[in-house]
N, C-alpha and C. Protein backbone atom coordinates (compact mmCIF):
# COMPACT_ATOMS: atom_id res chain seq x y z
N MET A 1 1.11 -1.45 -0.10
CA MET A 1 -0.03 -0.02 0.32
C MET A 1 0.84 1.12 0.07
N SER A 2 0.51 2.27 -0.75
CA SER A 2 1.39 3.34 -0.60
C SER A 2 1.01 4.05 0.04
N LYS A 3 2.19 5.31 0.40
CA LYS A 3 1.86 6.18 1.23
C LYS A 3 0.56 6.91 1.50
N LEU A 4 0.50 7.24 0.09
CA LEU A 4 -0.58 8.26 -0.28
C LEU A 4 -2.13 7.34 0.13
N GLU A 5 -2.33 6.21 -0.05
CA GLU A 5 -3.45 5.02 0.12
C GLU A 5 -3.70 5.30 1.59
N THR A 6 -2.52 5.14 2.16
CA THR A 6 -2.59 5.08 3.82
C THR A 6 -2.99 6.22 4.38
N LYS A 7 -2.88 7.13 3.94
CA LYS A 7 -3.15 8.75 4.01
C LYS A 7 -4.44 8.98 3.66
N LEU A 8 -5.12 8.41 2.86
CA LEU A 8 -6.32 8.53 2.09
C LEU A 8 -7.42 7.52 3.29
N ILE A 9 -6.88 6.46 3.26
CA ILE A 9 -7.81 5.51 4.43
C ILE A 9 -7.77 6.38 5.97
N ASN A 10 -6.65 7.04 6.31
CA ASN A 10 -6.88 7.54 7.87
C ASN A 10 -7.64 8.84 7.48
N PHE A 11 -7.39 9.55 6.51
CA PHE A 11 -8.12 10.93 6.13
C PHE A 11 -9.91 10.45 6.20
N LYS A 12 -10.25 9.07 5.56
CA LYS A 12 -11.80 8.78 5.41
C LYS A 12 -11.93 8.19 6.83
N ASN A 13 -11.28 7.53 7.36
CA ASN A 13 -11.68 7.43 8.53
C ASN A 13 -11.90 8.47 9.90
N ALA A 14 -10.95 9.58 9.79
CA ALA A 14 -11.43 10.87 10.38
C ALA A 14 -12.54 11.21 10.02
N LEU A 15 -13.00 11.42 8.89
CA LEU A 15 -13.89 12.04 8.32
C LEU A 15 -15.24 11.64 9.02
N ASP A 16 -15.19 10.03 8.84
CA ASP A 16 -16.35 9.21 9.77
C ASP A 16 -16.52 9.57 10.88
N ARG A 17 -15.52 9.76 11.72
CA ARG A 17 -15.60 9.70 12.98
C ARG A 17 -16.04 11.77 13.35
N LEU A 18 -15.57 12.26 12.11
CA LEU A 18 -16.02 13.59 12.69
C LEU A 18 -17.33 13.65 12.41
N ARG A 19 -18.09 12.91 11.32
CA ARG A 19 -19.66 12.82 10.90
C ARG A 19 -20.31 12.16 12.19
N GLU A 20 -19.80 11.36 13.21
CA GLU A 20 -20.45 10.86 13.96
C GLU A 20 -20.50 11.84 15.24
N ALA A 21 -19.62 12.90 15.14
CA ALA A 21 -19.58 13.88 16.46
C ALA A 21 -20.46 15.32 15.93
N ILE A 22 -20.71 15.31 14.64
CA ILE A 22 -21.63 15.94 14.11
C ILE A 22 -23.20 15.74 14.30
N VAL A 23 -23.26 14.34 14.07
CA VAL A 23 -24.53 14.11 14.63
C VAL A 23 -24.87 14.20 16.48
N GLU A 24 -23.96 13.80 17.14
CA GLU A 24 -24.23 13.85 18.67
C GLU A 24 -24.60 15.58 18.80
N PHE A 25 -23.44 16.02 18.19
CA PHE A 25 -23.59 17.97 18.36
C PHE A 25 -24.73 18.63 18.07
N LYS A 26 -25.60 17.81 16.90
CA LYS A 26 -26.95 18.45 16.46
C LYS A 26 -27.89 18.17 17.24
N GLN A 27 -27.66 17.46 18.44
CA GLN A 27 -28.69 16.89 19.43
C GLN A 27 -29.26 18.22 20.10
N VAL A 28 -30.24 18.41 20.46
CA VAL A 28 -30.97 19.55 21.02
C VAL A 28 -30.03 19.62 22.51
N ASP A 29 -30.07 19.08 23.48
CA ASP A 29 -29.09 19.30 24.72
C ASP A 29 -27.90 18.61 24.55
N ALA A 30 -27.00 18.78 23.53
CA ALA A 30 -25.81 18.22 23.28
C ALA A 30 -24.77 19.19 24.13
N SER A 31 -23.86 18.69 25.05
CA SER A 31 -23.23 19.13 26.05
C SER A 31 -21.88 19.89 25.77
N ASP A 32 -21.38 20.57 26.19
CA ASP A 32 -20.12 21.41 25.90
C ASP A 32 -19.00 20.63 25.89
N VAL A 33 -19.07 19.28 26.29
CA VAL A 33 -18.17 17.91 25.91
C VAL A 33 -18.26 17.66 24.66
N VAL A 34 -19.31 17.28 24.42
CA VAL A 34 -19.51 17.09 22.58
C VAL A 34 -19.22 17.87 21.75
N ARG A 35 -19.45 19.36 22.32
CA ARG A 35 -18.89 20.37 21.25
C ARG A 35 -17.65 20.31 21.26
N ASP A 36 -16.72 20.14 22.30
CA ASP A 36 -15.47 19.99 22.44
C ASP A 36 -14.87 18.80 21.76
N GLY A 37 -15.65 17.90 22.11
CA GLY A 37 -15.14 16.40 21.21
C GLY A 37 -15.21 16.73 19.47
N LEU A 38 -16.49 17.58 19.24
CA LEU A 38 -16.30 17.69 17.67
C LEU A 38 -15.39 18.68 17.11
N ILE A 39 -14.92 19.47 17.93
CA ILE A 39 -13.86 20.25 17.42
C ILE A 39 -12.39 19.67 17.34
N GLN A 40 -12.41 19.00 18.57
CA GLN A 40 -10.61 18.09 18.53
C GLN A 40 -10.89 16.95 17.51
N ARG A 41 -12.03 16.52 17.46
CA ARG A 41 -12.39 15.61 15.96
C ARG A 41 -11.70 16.57 14.39
N PHE A 42 -12.27 17.57 14.47
CA PHE A 42 -12.17 18.76 13.44
C PHE A 42 -10.80 19.02 13.30
N GLU A 43 -10.03 19.01 14.39
CA GLU A 43 -8.65 19.48 14.46
C GLU A 43 -7.98 18.38 13.67
N PHE A 44 -7.91 17.16 14.11
CA PHE A 44 -6.88 15.84 13.27
C PHE A 44 -7.54 15.61 12.09
N THR A 45 -9.07 15.81 11.63
CA THR A 45 -9.28 15.60 10.26
C THR A 45 -9.00 16.50 9.18
N TYR A 46 -8.22 17.73 9.95
CA TYR A 46 -8.28 19.17 9.01
C TYR A 46 -6.90 18.68 8.81
N GLU A 47 -5.91 18.20 9.84
CA GLU A 47 -4.41 17.92 10.00
C GLU A 47 -4.23 16.84 8.67
N LEU A 48 -5.30 15.92 8.57
CA LEU A 48 -5.17 14.48 8.06
C LEU A 48 -5.68 15.25 6.62
N SER A 49 -6.40 16.25 6.24
CA SER A 49 -6.76 16.68 5.21
C SER A 49 -5.70 17.11 4.37
N TRP A 50 -4.94 18.19 5.07
CA TRP A 50 -4.23 18.86 4.05
C TRP A 50 -2.62 18.06 3.98
N LYS A 51 -2.46 17.37 4.90
CA LYS A 51 -1.01 16.23 4.57
C LYS A 51 -1.63 15.27 3.61
N THR A 52 -2.79 14.61 3.82
CA THR A 52 -3.17 13.91 2.42
C THR A 52 -2.90 14.53 1.31
N THR A 53 -3.42 15.72 1.36
CA THR A 53 -3.38 16.40 -0.17
C THR A 53 -1.84 16.95 -0.62
N LYS A 54 -1.13 17.20 0.62
CA LYS A 54 0.12 17.46 0.20
C LYS A 54 0.92 15.92 -0.36
N GLU A 55 0.36 14.88 -0.23
CA GLU A 55 1.02 13.77 -0.37
C GLU A 55 0.51 13.56 -1.94
N TYR A 56 -0.59 13.65 -2.03
CA TYR A 56 -1.05 13.70 -3.69
C TYR A 56 -0.47 14.57 -4.52
N LEU A 57 0.05 15.98 -3.94
CA LEU A 57 0.32 16.88 -4.61
C LEU A 57 1.77 16.12 -5.26
N GLU A 58 2.40 15.82 -4.16
CA GLU A 58 3.97 14.96 -4.16
C GLU A 58 3.67 13.99 -5.62
N ASP A 59 2.47 13.30 -5.06
CA ASP A 59 2.51 12.22 -6.22
C ASP A 59 2.40 12.58 -7.84
N ILE A 60 1.70 13.80 -7.85
CA ILE A 60 1.82 14.22 -9.20
C ILE A 60 3.09 15.23 -9.64
N GLY A 61 3.80 15.67 -8.67
CA GLY A 61 5.08 16.00 -8.97
C GLY A 61 5.01 17.44 -8.22
N ILE A 62 4.61 17.59 -7.62
CA ILE A 62 4.46 19.08 -6.92
C ILE A 62 5.03 19.01 -5.36
N VAL A 63 5.88 19.15 -5.67
CA VAL A 63 6.94 19.13 -4.28
C VAL A 63 7.49 20.05 -3.59
N ASP A 64 7.00 21.30 -3.72
CA ASP A 64 7.38 22.38 -3.14
C ASP A 64 6.58 23.08 -1.82
N LYS A 65 5.27 22.29 -1.99
CA LYS A 65 4.31 22.82 -0.95
C LYS A 65 4.23 22.04 0.30
N ASN A 66 4.74 22.92 1.27
CA ASN A 66 5.19 22.40 2.60
C ASN A 66 4.27 22.93 3.85
N SER A 67 3.38 24.06 3.67
CA SER A 67 2.43 24.31 4.73
C SER A 67 1.21 24.31 4.49
N PRO A 68 0.49 24.29 5.22
CA PRO A 68 -1.19 24.14 5.04
C PRO A 68 -1.42 25.45 3.77
N LYS A 69 -1.38 26.45 4.31
CA LYS A 69 -1.57 27.35 3.70
C LYS A 69 -1.15 27.05 1.84
N ALA A 70 -0.05 27.03 1.49
CA ALA A 70 0.82 26.51 0.41
C ALA A 70 -0.22 25.26 -0.29
N VAL A 71 -0.25 24.33 0.42
CA VAL A 71 -1.03 23.32 0.09
C VAL A 71 -2.55 23.62 -0.23
N ILE A 72 -3.00 24.47 0.51
CA ILE A 72 -4.55 24.81 0.13
C ILE A 72 -4.53 25.41 -1.10
N LYS A 73 -3.61 26.28 -1.42
CA LYS A 73 -3.39 27.36 -2.48
C LYS A 73 -3.27 26.89 -4.00
N GLU A 74 -2.27 25.67 -3.60
CA GLU A 74 -2.17 24.56 -4.69
C GLU A 74 -3.44 23.45 -5.12
N ALA A 75 -3.90 23.20 -4.17
CA ALA A 75 -5.01 22.54 -4.12
C ALA A 75 -6.33 22.84 -4.89
N TYR A 76 -6.19 24.36 -4.66
CA TYR A 76 -7.47 24.92 -5.30
C TYR A 76 -6.80 25.47 -6.90
N ALA A 77 -5.53 25.47 -7.27
CA ALA A 77 -5.06 25.57 -8.40
C ALA A 77 -5.47 24.44 -9.14
N GLN A 78 -5.33 23.12 -8.56
CA GLN A 78 -5.17 21.80 -9.19
C GLN A 78 -6.73 21.35 -9.30
N LYS A 79 -7.76 22.41 -8.74
CA LYS A 79 -9.22 22.03 -8.75
C LYS A 79 -9.31 21.02 -7.91
N LEU A 80 -8.58 20.66 -6.95
CA LEU A 80 -9.21 19.67 -5.98
C LEU A 80 -10.32 20.20 -5.00
N ILE A 81 -9.75 21.19 -4.68
CA ILE A 81 -11.05 22.07 -3.84
C ILE A 81 -11.59 23.23 -4.78
N VAL A 82 -12.93 23.55 -4.33
CA VAL A 82 -13.53 24.47 -5.42
C VAL A 82 -13.69 26.02 -4.58
N ASN A 83 -13.49 26.12 -3.16
CA ASN A 83 -14.00 27.27 -2.23
C ASN A 83 -12.58 27.05 -1.60
N GLU A 84 -11.79 28.32 -2.12
CA GLU A 84 -10.50 28.27 -1.28
C GLU A 84 -10.68 29.12 -0.09
N LYS A 85 -11.96 30.11 -0.43
CA LYS A 85 -11.88 31.12 1.00
C LYS A 85 -12.44 30.38 1.91
N ASN A 86 -13.36 29.17 1.97
CA ASN A 86 -14.03 28.33 2.95
C ASN A 86 -12.58 27.65 3.66
N TRP A 87 -11.49 27.10 2.73
CA TRP A 87 -10.34 26.09 3.29
C TRP A 87 -9.38 27.18 3.82
N LEU A 88 -9.52 28.48 3.45
CA LEU A 88 -8.56 29.30 4.30
C LEU A 88 -9.04 30.04 5.61
N LEU A 89 -10.66 29.78 5.66
CA LEU A 89 -11.33 30.23 6.87
C LEU A 89 -11.02 29.06 7.83
N MET A 90 -11.08 27.43 7.48
CA MET A 90 -11.00 26.53 7.86
C MET A 90 -9.47 26.34 8.59
N LEU A 91 -8.43 26.81 7.94
CA LEU A 91 -7.12 27.12 8.44
C LEU A 91 -7.09 27.78 9.62
N ASN A 92 -7.85 29.12 9.35
CA ASN A 92 -8.11 29.88 10.54
C ASN A 92 -8.69 29.36 11.62
N ASP A 93 -9.30 28.76 11.42
CA ASP A 93 -10.16 28.34 12.84
C ASP A 93 -9.44 27.14 13.23
N ARG A 94 -8.99 26.12 12.69
CA ARG A 94 -7.63 25.50 13.17
C ARG A 94 -6.83 25.80 13.82
N ASN A 95 -6.30 27.17 13.55
CA ASN A 95 -5.09 27.67 14.56
C ASN A 95 -5.98 28.09 15.67
N MET A 96 -6.99 29.20 15.35
CA MET A 96 -7.68 29.70 16.78
C MET A 96 -8.09 28.45 17.89
N THR A 97 -8.43 27.19 17.03
CA THR A 97 -8.68 26.20 18.23
C THR A 97 -7.58 25.87 19.08
N SER A 98 -6.70 25.95 18.59
CA SER A 98 -5.22 25.31 19.09
C SER A 98 -4.57 26.26 20.15
N HIS A 99 -5.17 27.82 19.75
CA HIS A 99 -4.26 28.71 20.58
C HIS A 99 -5.35 29.46 21.74
N VAL A 100 -6.08 29.18 21.61
CA VAL A 100 -7.26 30.28 22.07
C VAL A 100 -8.38 29.63 22.57
N TYR A 101 -8.93 29.77 23.84
CA TYR A 101 -10.43 29.19 24.12
C TYR A 101 -11.20 30.26 24.29
N ARG A 102 -12.52 30.30 23.68
CA ARG A 102 -13.42 31.19 23.98
C ARG A 102 -14.59 30.57 23.90
N GLU A 103 -15.27 30.37 24.62
CA GLU A 103 -17.01 29.74 24.66
C GLU A 103 -17.56 30.17 23.58
N GLU A 104 -17.54 31.71 23.25
CA GLU A 104 -18.54 32.12 21.94
C GLU A 104 -17.43 31.50 20.77
N MET A 105 -16.60 31.79 20.79
CA MET A 105 -15.69 31.31 19.51
C MET A 105 -15.83 29.68 19.50
N ALA A 106 -15.96 28.88 20.25
CA ALA A 106 -15.97 27.27 20.15
C ALA A 106 -17.29 27.16 19.25
N GLU A 107 -18.40 27.85 20.02
CA GLU A 107 -19.57 27.62 19.22
C GLU A 107 -20.02 28.06 18.17
N GLU A 108 -18.94 29.03 17.63
CA GLU A 108 -19.45 29.05 16.21
C GLU A 108 -18.29 28.82 15.09
N ILE A 109 -17.17 28.05 16.04
CA ILE A 109 -16.49 27.11 14.92
C ILE A 109 -16.93 25.76 14.89
N ALA A 110 -17.67 25.30 15.62
CA ALA A 110 -18.42 24.17 15.88
C ALA A 110 -19.50 24.07 14.96
N ASP A 111 -20.32 25.42 14.83
CA ASP A 111 -21.39 25.48 13.59
C ASP A 111 -20.70 25.47 12.46
N ARG A 112 -19.90 26.34 12.14
CA ARG A 112 -19.30 25.98 10.80
C ARG A 112 -18.72 24.69 10.60
N ILE A 113 -18.10 23.83 11.39
CA ILE A 113 -17.88 22.46 11.27
C ILE A 113 -18.87 21.65 10.79
N ALA A 114 -20.03 21.88 11.44
CA ALA A 114 -21.32 20.96 11.00
C ALA A 114 -22.03 21.55 9.81
N THR A 115 -21.80 22.70 9.36
CA THR A 115 -22.81 23.01 8.45
C THR A 115 -21.85 23.40 7.02
N CYS A 116 -20.39 23.75 7.22
CA CYS A 116 -19.78 23.98 5.92
C CYS A 116 -18.58 23.29 5.76
N TYR A 117 -17.67 23.03 6.78
CA TYR A 117 -16.22 22.48 6.82
C TYR A 117 -16.68 20.73 6.31
N ILE A 118 -17.50 19.87 7.03
CA ILE A 118 -17.88 18.63 6.74
C ILE A 118 -18.01 18.54 5.02
N LYS A 119 -18.86 19.65 4.63
CA LYS A 119 -19.07 19.39 3.33
C LYS A 119 -18.01 19.46 1.96
N GLU A 120 -17.13 20.44 2.80
CA GLU A 120 -15.62 20.61 2.04
C GLU A 120 -14.66 19.29 2.22
N PHE A 121 -14.48 18.87 3.56
CA PHE A 121 -13.83 17.73 3.62
C PHE A 121 -14.06 16.63 2.79
N GLN A 122 -15.55 16.25 2.83
CA GLN A 122 -16.21 14.90 1.78
C GLN A 122 -15.75 15.82 0.21
N LEU A 123 -16.04 16.71 -0.05
CA LEU A 123 -15.61 17.00 -1.83
C LEU A 123 -13.90 16.70 -2.19
N LEU A 124 -13.40 17.00 -0.94
CA LEU A 124 -11.93 16.70 -1.30
C LEU A 124 -11.45 15.33 -1.17
N LEU A 125 -12.20 14.49 -0.21
CA LEU A 125 -12.00 13.14 -0.17
C LEU A 125 -12.31 12.85 -1.51
N GLU A 126 -13.55 13.19 -2.34
CA GLU A 126 -13.83 12.31 -3.43
C GLU A 126 -12.83 12.75 -4.42
N LYS A 127 -12.44 14.12 -4.80
CA LYS A 127 -11.61 13.88 -5.53
C LYS A 127 -10.08 13.55 -5.64
N LEU A 128 -9.63 13.48 -4.33
CA LEU A 128 -8.53 12.46 -3.73
C LEU A 128 -8.70 11.32 -4.22
N GLN A 129 -9.65 10.26 -4.37
CA GLN A 129 -9.93 9.15 -4.66
C GLN A 129 -10.32 8.92 -5.80
N ASN A 130 -10.53 9.71 -6.97
CA ASN A 130 -10.92 9.72 -8.08
C ASN A 130 -9.39 9.72 -8.89
């Protein structure tokens, strides 16, 4: 199994786990613990998404993209992602969840994960698998 195939499997598994967390988060009485778990699953799904994309780019001969932002921009140029703005917002949210914790911010990011980012991850996975 190639390095890219392994990363794709790991990304898909993380995405499946993120979907599970979203289902729990959307429950009327979801706790802060559920929301925080959703955010943590988002963090590792995000990390796997850009690292898997980096591996894909390297497989097609693009080897000079080493940061999440550079990978996002190249993925957009290669038409692996459609909405660069959402991905850059996702990068910003990922950085915010790692360095700052505010209740209000956590709620906003969790809502974006459940309504927007999950779709972006799914679209990327489909492109990378084809």
